[in-house]
């Protein structure tokens, strides 16, 4: 009988599992890929939205990135983009827009139409060339597993 009670308590207690570790809403700290970008950071907010009335909920990914160098300092790039992807399955790209600041812009953007399950998702801020639609290397990155 004690064994049954222990099993019941373990199964139905608040012990975190992989299944509930990524409950939404959550936020993710995006860390620099290049350790030379000591002060560059970002955050991704991931949560459910209903962007169109009378439709079903979708997942939103919103990114704010700060203290990034000018994209052109890396070469032929003119902006940053947000990229969320499930490796080998699907990806979502969206532009990040600069906001005027005294010491360089903050970059922000969002994507509201993700219908896939948010497991094993990687979220990045990447360099981009807007005219060529060329996506460059990642500058900030983290996984949805670090969602809090």
Protein backbone atom coordinates (compact mmCIF):
# COMPACT_ATOMS: atom_id res chain seq x y z
CA UNK A 1 0.00 0.00 0.00
CA UNK A 2 2.82 2.43 0.84
CA UNK A 3 4.41 1.71 -2.51
CA UNK A 4 1.16 2.60 -4.31
CA UNK A 5 0.88 5.85 -2.37
CA UNK A 6 4.50 6.74 -3.21
CA UNK A 7 3.94 6.02 -6.92
CA UNK A 8 0.77 8.12 -6.89
CA UNK A 9 2.57 11.04 -5.21
CA UNK A 10 5.46 10.90 -7.66
CA UNK A 11 3.22 10.74 -10.72
CA UNK A 12 0.87 13.53 -9.70
CA UNK A 13 3.15 15.86 -7.79
CA UNK A 14 4.61 19.09 -9.15
CA UNK A 15 7.89 17.50 -10.23
CA UNK A 16 8.91 19.22 -13.48
CA UNK A 17 9.10 17.06 -16.57
CA UNK A 18 10.08 17.65 -20.17
CA UNK A 19 6.38 17.80 -21.04
CA UNK A 20 5.64 20.76 -18.78
CA UNK A 21 9.06 22.44 -18.76
CA UNK A 22 8.12 24.59 -21.79
CA UNK A 23 4.71 25.84 -20.70
CA UNK A 24 3.78 29.12 -22.27
CA UNK A 25 4.13 32.01 -21.75
CA UNK A 26 7.85 32.00 -21.12
CA UNK A 27 10.93 34.07 -21.85
CA UNK A 28 14.38 33.11 -23.06
CA UNK A 29 17.63 35.03 -22.63
CA UNK A 30 19.45 35.12 -25.96
CA UNK A 31 23.20 34.91 -25.40
CA UNK A 32 25.98 36.07 -27.74
CA UNK A 33 27.45 33.42 -30.03
CA UNK A 34 30.71 35.41 -30.22
CA UNK A 35 32.07 35.92 -26.70
CA UNK A 36 33.65 39.18 -27.93
CA UNK A 37 30.14 40.69 -27.85
CA UNK A 38 30.27 40.94 -24.07
CA UNK A 39 27.32 43.30 -23.65
CA UNK A 40 25.08 42.10 -26.47
CA UNK A 41 21.95 40.33 -25.16
CA UNK A 42 18.45 39.61 -26.21
CA UNK A 43 15.24 38.15 -24.97
CA UNK A 44 12.52 36.15 -26.66
CA UNK A 45 8.97 36.10 -25.34
CA UNK A 46 7.02 33.03 -26.43
CA UNK A 47 3.27 32.87 -25.82
CA UNK A 48 -0.12 32.03 -27.34
CA UNK A 49 -2.05 34.66 -29.31
CA UNK A 50 -5.17 34.85 -31.44
CA UNK A 51 -4.06 37.35 -34.12
CA UNK A 52 -7.21 36.91 -36.19
CA UNK A 53 -10.63 36.98 -34.47
CA UNK A 54 -12.64 33.77 -34.89
CA UNK A 55 -9.46 31.76 -35.53
CA UNK A 56 -7.49 29.34 -33.41
CA UNK A 57 -4.57 30.25 -31.17
CA UNK A 58 -1.09 30.37 -32.56
CA UNK A 59 2.31 30.84 -30.95
CA UNK A 60 4.00 34.24 -30.99
CA UNK A 61 7.75 34.75 -30.76
CA UNK A 62 8.80 38.32 -29.96
CA UNK A 63 12.47 39.32 -29.81
CA UNK A 64 14.24 42.34 -28.33
CA UNK A 65 18.01 42.58 -28.85
CA UNK A 66 20.30 45.29 -27.46
CA UNK A 67 23.91 46.47 -27.74
CA UNK A 68 24.46 44.83 -31.12
CA UNK A 69 27.06 46.21 -33.52
CA UNK A 70 25.92 47.74 -36.78
CA UNK A 71 25.07 44.86 -39.15
CA UNK A 72 27.43 46.29 -41.81
CA UNK A 73 30.39 45.80 -39.44
CA UNK A 74 30.10 42.08 -40.29
CA UNK A 75 30.16 42.61 -44.05
CA UNK A 76 27.37 42.93 -46.60
CA UNK A 77 24.47 43.01 -44.11
CA UNK A 78 22.00 45.82 -43.42
CA UNK A 79 19.73 44.49 -40.67
CA UNK A 80 19.02 41.73 -38.15
CA UNK A 81 16.33 39.07 -38.37
CA UNK A 82 14.73 36.80 -35.83
CA UNK A 83 14.87 33.11 -36.64
CA UNK A 84 13.01 30.37 -34.79
CA UNK A 85 13.39 26.83 -36.04
CA UNK A 86 12.98 23.16 -35.30
CA UNK A 87 16.13 21.58 -36.78
CA UNK A 88 15.37 19.51 -39.86
CA UNK A 89 11.64 20.39 -39.80
CA UNK A 90 10.58 24.02 -40.14
CA UNK A 91 11.77 27.60 -39.62
CA UNK A 92 10.23 31.05 -39.22
CA UNK A 93 12.09 34.26 -40.21
CA UNK A 94 11.01 37.78 -39.38
CA UNK A 95 12.69 41.20 -39.58
CA UNK A 96 13.89 43.01 -36.48
CA UNK A 97 13.45 46.77 -36.67
CA UNK A 98 15.83 49.30 -35.13
CA UNK A 99 14.50 51.80 -32.61
CA UNK A 100 16.39 55.07 -32.30
CA UNK A 101 18.50 55.22 -29.17
CA UNK A 102 21.34 57.52 -28.11
CA UNK A 103 23.97 54.76 -28.00
CA UNK A 104 22.83 52.68 -30.96
CA UNK A 105 19.50 51.06 -31.73
CA UNK A 106 17.62 48.31 -29.98
CA UNK A 107 16.27 45.72 -32.44
CA UNK A 108 12.77 44.28 -32.06
CA UNK A 109 10.28 42.21 -33.99
CA UNK A 110 7.69 39.47 -33.74
CA UNK A 111 6.05 36.61 -35.59
CA UNK A 112 2.46 35.63 -34.67
CA UNK A 113 1.59 32.63 -36.84
CA UNK A 114 3.42 29.56 -35.52
CA UNK A 115 1.14 26.52 -35.45
CA UNK A 116 3.77 23.84 -34.77
CA UNK A 117 4.39 22.42 -31.32
CA UNK A 118 7.20 24.38 -29.67
CA UNK A 119 9.55 21.49 -28.82
CA UNK A 120 13.29 21.56 -29.52
CA UNK A 121 13.00 25.08 -30.96
CA UNK A 122 16.12 27.22 -31.35
CA UNK A 123 15.65 31.00 -31.36
CA UNK A 124 18.32 33.27 -32.85
CA UNK A 125 19.10 36.81 -33.89
CA UNK A 126 20.90 36.64 -37.24
CA UNK A 127 22.48 39.04 -39.66
CA UNK A 128 20.53 39.69 -42.85
CA UNK A 129 20.72 41.50 -46.18
CA UNK A 130 17.22 42.81 -46.87
CA UNK A 131 17.46 43.26 -50.65
CA UNK A 132 19.08 39.88 -51.36
CA UNK A 133 17.06 38.14 -48.61
CA UNK A 134 20.38 36.62 -47.56
CA UNK A 135 20.48 35.30 -44.00
CA UNK A 136 23.85 35.53 -42.30
CA UNK A 137 25.37 33.98 -39.20
CA UNK A 138 23.79 33.93 -35.77
CA UNK A 139 24.74 36.68 -33.34
CA UNK A 140 22.50 35.72 -30.37
CA UNK A 141 21.00 32.30 -29.69
CA UNK A 142 19.34 29.96 -27.19
CA UNK A 143 16.88 27.08 -27.08
CA UNK A 144 13.30 26.89 -25.89
CA UNK A 145 14.51 24.42 -23.26
CA UNK A 146 15.81 27.41 -21.31
CA UNK A 147 12.35 29.03 -21.21
CA UNK A 148 11.38 30.44 -17.82
